[in-house]
Amino acid sequence: MLGAINPIALKLGPFTVHWYGAIIGTAVLLALFLSVREGQKRGVHEDNFYDYLLYALPVAIICARIYYVVFEWSYYAEHPAEIVRIWDGGIAIYGGLIGAVLTLVIFCRVKELSPWLFMDIMAPTVIMAQAMGRWGNFINQEAHGSATTRAFLKGLMLPNFIIEQMKINGVYYQPTFLYESVWDFAGFILLMSLRHKVHLFKRGEVVLTYAGWYSFGRFFVEGLRTDSLMLGFLRVSQWLSVVIFAGSIFLILYRRYWQPHNPWYLDGNVKYD
């Protein structure tokens, strides 16, 4: 029977490469590659994506860590030295997205680009990267659900390496990382399949569809997790999911009917009327 996967992928002298970081890094590079290719079709120069990543990546990581630490402050207040140990896991995707979006708005204003178009181009690749990133949680045996049985996990037709990795301190847990990863990959396929349909998406609607899709699935997956902060009868991330889902639907309807002259997504880098 297999044991838990070692979170360290490679050691080269004093340097240690963790699977978590390797997976996140690979996901970011693949997302960048796909965004550059789509940007070329939409009239956005590839240098803009490289420049944006240089600013957004550190800001997103810092914000993701801050978000996580704030909501786990009861632990980190007693272990302040661990606040910077991001390589051990413990980042919140919503915090990272908030940091990335704030950076994007400022970046696009400086570069005189449409933030909606920029986000539309990147949205499918972001949800793909999120799907990949959940496997970093898998390696670290975190972001799991409640205790369950081996029989339940086998009933899901999971490969044995996943079942064994879900055994933590002798107890099997719900693989919520997998539920969210599958949902995110489905969203990636959906957006990639639909965004080139003529007269389907107005500018801004690709990223808003991503936001609605992701938040809808995240609401239910979050309800299965046991490591989230409660706020009333729901978890903090569930409340945020509700706000994002409702906001994305409202913005799609508002912009479609009260801003009818917005360009189509496929029009690319054209100015508003």
Protein backbone atom coordinates (compact mmCIF):
# COMPACT_ATOMS: atom_id res chain seq x y z
CA MET A 1 0.00 0.00 0.00
CA LEU A 2 1.36 3.40 -0.97
CA GLY A 3 2.18 6.02 1.62
CA ALA A 4 1.67 9.76 1.50
CA ILE A 5 3.45 11.68 -1.26
CA ASN A 6 6.52 13.61 -0.15
CA PRO A 7 5.75 17.35 -0.51
CA ILE A 8 9.39 17.96 -1.51
CA ALA A 9 9.91 17.31 -5.21
CA LEU A 10 13.66 17.90 -5.40
CA LYS A 11 16.61 18.90 -3.24
CA LEU A 12 19.72 20.43 -4.76
CA GLY A 13 22.17 21.22 -2.00
CA PRO A 14 20.67 24.04 0.07
CA PHE A 15 17.81 24.50 -2.41
CA THR A 16 14.51 22.69 -1.94
CA VAL A 17 11.79 22.52 -4.58
CA HIS A 18 8.33 21.79 -3.19
CA TRP A 19 5.65 20.17 -5.32
CA TYR A 20 3.27 22.93 -4.28
CA GLY A 21 5.47 25.64 -5.77
CA ALA A 22 6.34 23.58 -8.84
CA ILE A 23 2.67 23.00 -9.62
CA ILE A 24 1.73 26.65 -9.13
CA GLY A 25 4.69 27.79 -11.24
CA THR A 26 3.79 25.41 -14.07
CA ALA A 27 0.17 26.55 -13.96
CA VAL A 28 1.17 30.23 -14.17
CA LEU A 29 3.50 29.65 -17.12
CA LEU A 30 0.89 27.67 -19.03
CA ALA A 31 -1.73 30.34 -18.32
CA LEU A 32 0.69 33.01 -19.57
CA PHE A 33 1.41 31.07 -22.77
CA LEU A 34 -2.28 30.62 -23.57
CA SER A 35 -3.10 34.26 -22.72
CA VAL A 36 -0.35 35.54 -25.03
CA ARG A 37 -1.67 33.42 -27.90
CA GLU A 38 -5.22 34.69 -27.41
CA GLY A 39 -4.00 38.25 -26.93
CA GLN A 40 -2.33 38.19 -30.34
CA LYS A 41 -5.72 37.38 -31.89
CA ARG A 42 -7.45 40.16 -29.97
CA GLY A 43 -4.88 42.87 -30.76
CA VAL A 44 -3.16 43.00 -27.37
CA HIS A 45 0.63 42.90 -27.59
CA GLU A 46 2.32 40.02 -25.78
CA ASP A 47 4.62 42.35 -23.81
CA ASN A 48 1.59 43.56 -21.87
CA PHE A 49 1.04 40.09 -20.45
CA TYR A 50 4.68 39.66 -19.46
CA ASP A 51 4.74 43.08 -17.82
CA TYR A 52 1.48 42.48 -16.01
CA LEU A 53 2.67 39.15 -14.64
CA LEU A 54 5.79 40.77 -13.19
CA TYR A 55 3.57 43.06 -11.10
CA ALA A 56 0.57 40.82 -10.47
CA LEU A 57 2.27 37.61 -9.42
CA PRO A 58 4.02 38.92 -6.29
CA VAL A 59 1.02 41.07 -5.36
CA ALA A 60 -1.36 38.10 -5.78
CA ILE A 61 0.84 35.81 -3.69
CA ILE A 62 1.15 38.40 -0.92
CA CYS A 63 -2.59 39.10 -0.91
CA ALA A 64 -3.41 35.39 -0.96
CA ARG A 65 -1.19 34.85 2.05
CA ILE A 66 -2.52 37.89 3.89
CA TYR A 67 -6.11 36.71 3.33
CA TYR A 68 -5.26 33.26 4.69
CA VAL A 69 -3.33 34.56 7.68
CA VAL A 70 -6.05 37.06 8.63
CA PHE A 71 -8.67 34.34 8.79
CA GLU A 72 -6.33 31.98 10.64
CA TRP A 73 -5.00 34.67 12.97
CA SER A 74 -5.71 32.70 16.14
CA TYR A 75 -2.98 30.28 15.01
CA TYR A 76 -0.50 32.74 13.50
CA ALA A 77 -0.71 35.09 16.46
CA GLU A 78 0.95 32.32 18.44
CA HIS A 79 3.29 31.29 15.61
CA PRO A 80 4.32 34.56 13.90
CA ALA A 81 7.50 33.05 12.44
CA GLU A 82 5.32 30.81 10.24
CA ILE A 83 3.55 33.69 8.54
CA VAL A 84 6.20 33.84 5.81
CA ARG A 85 6.40 30.05 5.34
CA ILE A 86 4.26 30.13 2.23
CA TRP A 87 6.08 27.10 0.79
CA ASP A 88 4.29 24.95 3.38
CA GLY A 89 0.95 25.89 1.87
CA GLY A 90 -1.70 28.20 3.21
CA ILE A 91 -2.78 30.69 0.57
CA ALA A 92 -6.35 31.72 -0.19
CA ILE A 93 -7.29 31.89 -3.85
CA TYR A 94 -9.83 34.64 -3.25
CA GLY A 95 -7.11 36.80 -1.72
CA GLY A 96 -4.90 36.15 -4.72
CA LEU A 97 -7.69 37.05 -7.15
CA ILE A 98 -8.40 40.29 -5.30
CA GLY A 99 -4.74 41.27 -5.52
CA ALA A 100 -4.51 40.31 -9.19
CA VAL A 101 -7.63 42.28 -10.14
CA LEU A 102 -6.53 45.42 -8.29
CA THR A 103 -3.14 45.21 -9.99
CA LEU A 104 -4.81 44.70 -13.36
CA VAL A 105 -7.04 47.77 -13.03
CA ILE A 106 -4.06 49.99 -12.25
CA PHE A 107 -1.90 48.35 -14.93
CA CYS A 108 -4.52 48.76 -17.65
CA ARG A 109 -5.11 52.39 -16.72
CA VAL A 110 -1.39 53.11 -17.09
CA LYS A 111 -1.14 51.15 -20.36
CA GLU A 112 -4.42 52.57 -21.71
CA LEU A 113 -5.88 49.11 -22.22
CA SER A 114 -9.41 47.91 -21.60
CA PRO A 115 -9.37 46.04 -18.27
CA TRP A 116 -12.45 44.10 -19.36
CA LEU A 117 -10.78 42.83 -22.51
CA PHE A 118 -7.58 42.02 -20.64
CA MET A 119 -9.52 40.00 -18.07
CA ASP A 120 -11.58 38.30 -20.78
CA ILE A 121 -8.43 37.06 -22.45
CA MET A 122 -6.98 35.68 -19.24
CA ALA A 123 -10.13 34.36 -17.54
CA PRO A 124 -10.14 30.84 -19.06
CA THR A 125 -6.44 30.41 -18.34
CA VAL A 126 -6.89 31.59 -14.75
CA ILE A 127 -9.52 28.98 -13.98
CA MET A 128 -7.28 26.38 -15.62
CA ALA A 129 -4.42 27.46 -13.35
CA GLN A 130 -6.75 27.25 -10.35
CA ALA A 131 -7.66 23.69 -11.32
CA MET A 132 -4.00 22.75 -11.51
CA GLY A 133 -3.16 24.59 -8.30
CA ARG A 134 -5.59 22.47 -6.28
CA TRP A 135 -3.24 19.55 -6.83
CA GLY A 136 -0.70 21.45 -4.77
CA ASN A 137 -3.22 21.30 -1.93
CA PHE A 138 -3.51 17.58 -2.60
CA ILE A 139 0.23 17.09 -2.20
CA ASN A 140 0.22 19.11 1.03
CA GLN A 141 -2.82 17.19 2.33
CA GLU A 142 -4.76 20.40 2.93
CA ALA A 143 -8.04 21.98 1.82
CA HIS A 144 -9.77 18.65 2.37
CA GLY A 145 -13.28 17.92 3.59
CA SER A 146 -14.68 16.06 6.54
CA ALA A 147 -13.65 12.60 7.65
CA THR A 148 -14.96 9.73 5.58
CA THR A 149 -14.17 6.07 4.91
CA ARG A 150 -11.93 4.26 2.48
CA ALA A 151 -15.01 2.50 1.14
CA PHE A 152 -16.57 5.87 0.25
CA LEU A 153 -13.43 7.00 -1.60
CA LYS A 154 -13.23 3.71 -3.48
CA GLY A 155 -16.87 4.16 -4.41
CA LEU A 156 -15.87 7.38 -6.20
CA MET A 157 -13.68 5.23 -8.47
CA LEU A 158 -10.58 7.17 -7.43
CA PRO A 159 -7.09 5.84 -8.16
CA ASN A 160 -5.31 4.42 -5.16
CA PHE A 161 -2.71 7.21 -4.96
CA ILE A 162 -5.47 9.75 -4.32
CA ILE A 163 -7.16 7.56 -1.74
CA GLU A 164 -3.91 7.07 0.17
CA GLN A 165 -3.04 10.76 0.04
CA MET A 166 -6.43 11.48 1.60
CA LYS A 167 -5.41 9.38 4.62
CA ILE A 168 -4.10 11.88 7.16
CA ASN A 169 -3.01 10.71 10.61
CA GLY A 170 -4.86 7.46 10.07
CA VAL A 171 -8.14 9.09 8.97
CA TYR A 172 -9.56 9.33 5.43
CA TYR A 173 -10.97 12.68 4.30
CA GLN A 174 -13.20 14.01 1.53
CA PRO A 175 -11.06 15.05 -1.50
CA THR A 176 -12.57 18.51 -1.86
CA PHE A 177 -9.46 19.61 -3.74
CA LEU A 178 -10.51 17.17 -6.47
CA TYR A 179 -14.12 18.34 -6.55
CA GLU A 180 -13.02 21.92 -7.12
CA SER A 181 -10.30 20.95 -9.59
CA VAL A 182 -12.81 19.03 -11.73
CA TRP A 183 -15.28 21.94 -11.58
CA ASP A 184 -12.56 24.39 -12.61
CA PHE A 185 -11.36 22.22 -15.50
CA ALA A 186 -14.97 21.98 -16.68
CA GLY A 187 -15.19 25.79 -16.56
CA PHE A 188 -11.96 26.05 -18.56
CA ILE A 189 -13.30 23.75 -21.26
CA LEU A 190 -16.63 25.61 -21.33
CA LEU A 191 -15.04 29.05 -21.72
CA MET A 192 -12.51 27.87 -24.30
CA SER A 193 -15.31 26.25 -26.29
CA LEU A 194 -17.66 29.24 -26.24
CA ARG A 195 -15.60 32.43 -26.28
CA HIS A 196 -14.98 32.35 -30.03
CA LYS A 197 -18.66 31.98 -30.85
CA VAL A 198 -19.74 34.99 -32.93
CA HIS A 199 -22.00 37.46 -31.09
CA LEU A 200 -22.12 35.44 -27.90
CA PHE A 201 -19.94 37.40 -25.47
CA LYS A 202 -19.80 41.16 -25.19
CA ARG A 203 -16.56 42.59 -23.84
CA GLY A 204 -16.35 41.75 -20.15
CA GLU A 205 -18.75 38.83 -20.29
CA VAL A 206 -16.09 36.12 -20.56
CA VAL A 207 -14.55 37.10 -17.23
CA LEU A 208 -17.97 37.62 -15.65
CA THR A 209 -19.01 34.14 -16.79
CA TYR A 210 -15.82 32.80 -15.25
CA ALA A 211 -16.59 34.61 -11.99
CA GLY A 212 -20.12 33.22 -11.89
CA TRP A 213 -19.04 29.69 -12.75
CA TYR A 214 -16.18 29.58 -10.27
CA SER A 215 -18.09 31.15 -7.37
CA PHE A 216 -21.10 28.87 -7.90
CA GLY A 217 -18.97 25.73 -7.64
CA ARG A 218 -16.80 27.14 -4.86
CA PHE A 219 -19.89 27.78 -2.71
CA PHE A 220 -20.77 24.10 -2.57
CA VAL A 221 -17.20 22.77 -2.31
CA GLU A 222 -16.47 25.21 0.51
CA GLY A 223 -19.46 23.83 2.38
CA LEU A 224 -17.74 20.44 2.50
CA ARG A 225 -14.46 21.74 3.90
CA THR A 226 -13.56 21.76 7.56
CA ASP A 227 -10.74 24.34 7.61
CA SER A 228 -12.73 27.48 6.81
CA LEU A 229 -13.74 30.37 9.06
CA MET A 230 -17.45 30.58 9.82
CA LEU A 231 -19.41 33.82 9.62
CA GLY A 232 -22.90 33.16 10.90
CA PHE A 233 -24.34 30.03 9.31
CA LEU A 234 -21.98 30.07 6.31
CA ARG A 235 -18.24 30.13 5.80
CA VAL A 236 -16.52 33.39 4.84
CA SER A 237 -15.66 32.07 1.37
CA GLN A 238 -19.26 31.01 0.86
CA TRP A 239 -20.51 34.53 1.59
CA LEU A 240 -17.92 35.89 -0.82
CA SER A 241 -19.02 33.33 -3.42
CA VAL A 242 -22.62 34.52 -3.09
CA VAL A 243 -21.57 38.14 -3.57
CA ILE A 244 -19.40 37.35 -6.60
CA PHE A 245 -22.03 35.12 -8.23
CA ALA A 246 -24.82 37.67 -7.78
CA GLY A 247 -22.53 40.52 -8.83
CA SER A 248 -21.42 38.76 -12.02
CA ILE A 249 -25.01 38.05 -13.08
CA PHE A 250 -26.05 41.63 -12.32
CA LEU A 251 -23.13 43.10 -14.28
CA ILE A 252 -23.78 40.92 -17.33
CA LEU A 253 -27.43 42.01 -17.42
CA TYR A 254 -26.66 45.65 -16.63
CA ARG A 255 -23.92 46.02 -19.23
CA ARG A 256 -25.87 44.09 -21.88
CA TYR A 257 -29.05 46.16 -21.59
CA TRP A 258 -27.86 49.55 -20.28
CA GLN A 259 -24.56 49.68 -22.18
CA PRO A 260 -25.63 48.14 -25.51
CA HIS A 261 -22.81 49.76 -27.48
CA ASN A 262 -20.04 47.83 -25.73
CA PRO A 263 -17.93 45.98 -28.32
CA TRP A 264 -18.12 42.24 -28.75
CA TYR A 265 -15.29 40.24 -27.23
CA LEU A 266 -14.18 39.05 -30.67
CA ASP A 267 -13.79 42.67 -31.80
CA GLY A 268 -10.63 42.71 -29.74
CA ASN A 269 -8.73 45.88 -28.93
CA VAL A 270 -11.15 48.47 -30.28
CA LYS A 271 -12.30 51.59 -28.47
CA TYR A 272 -15.73 52.03 -26.96
CA ASP A 273 -18.19 54.14 -28.90
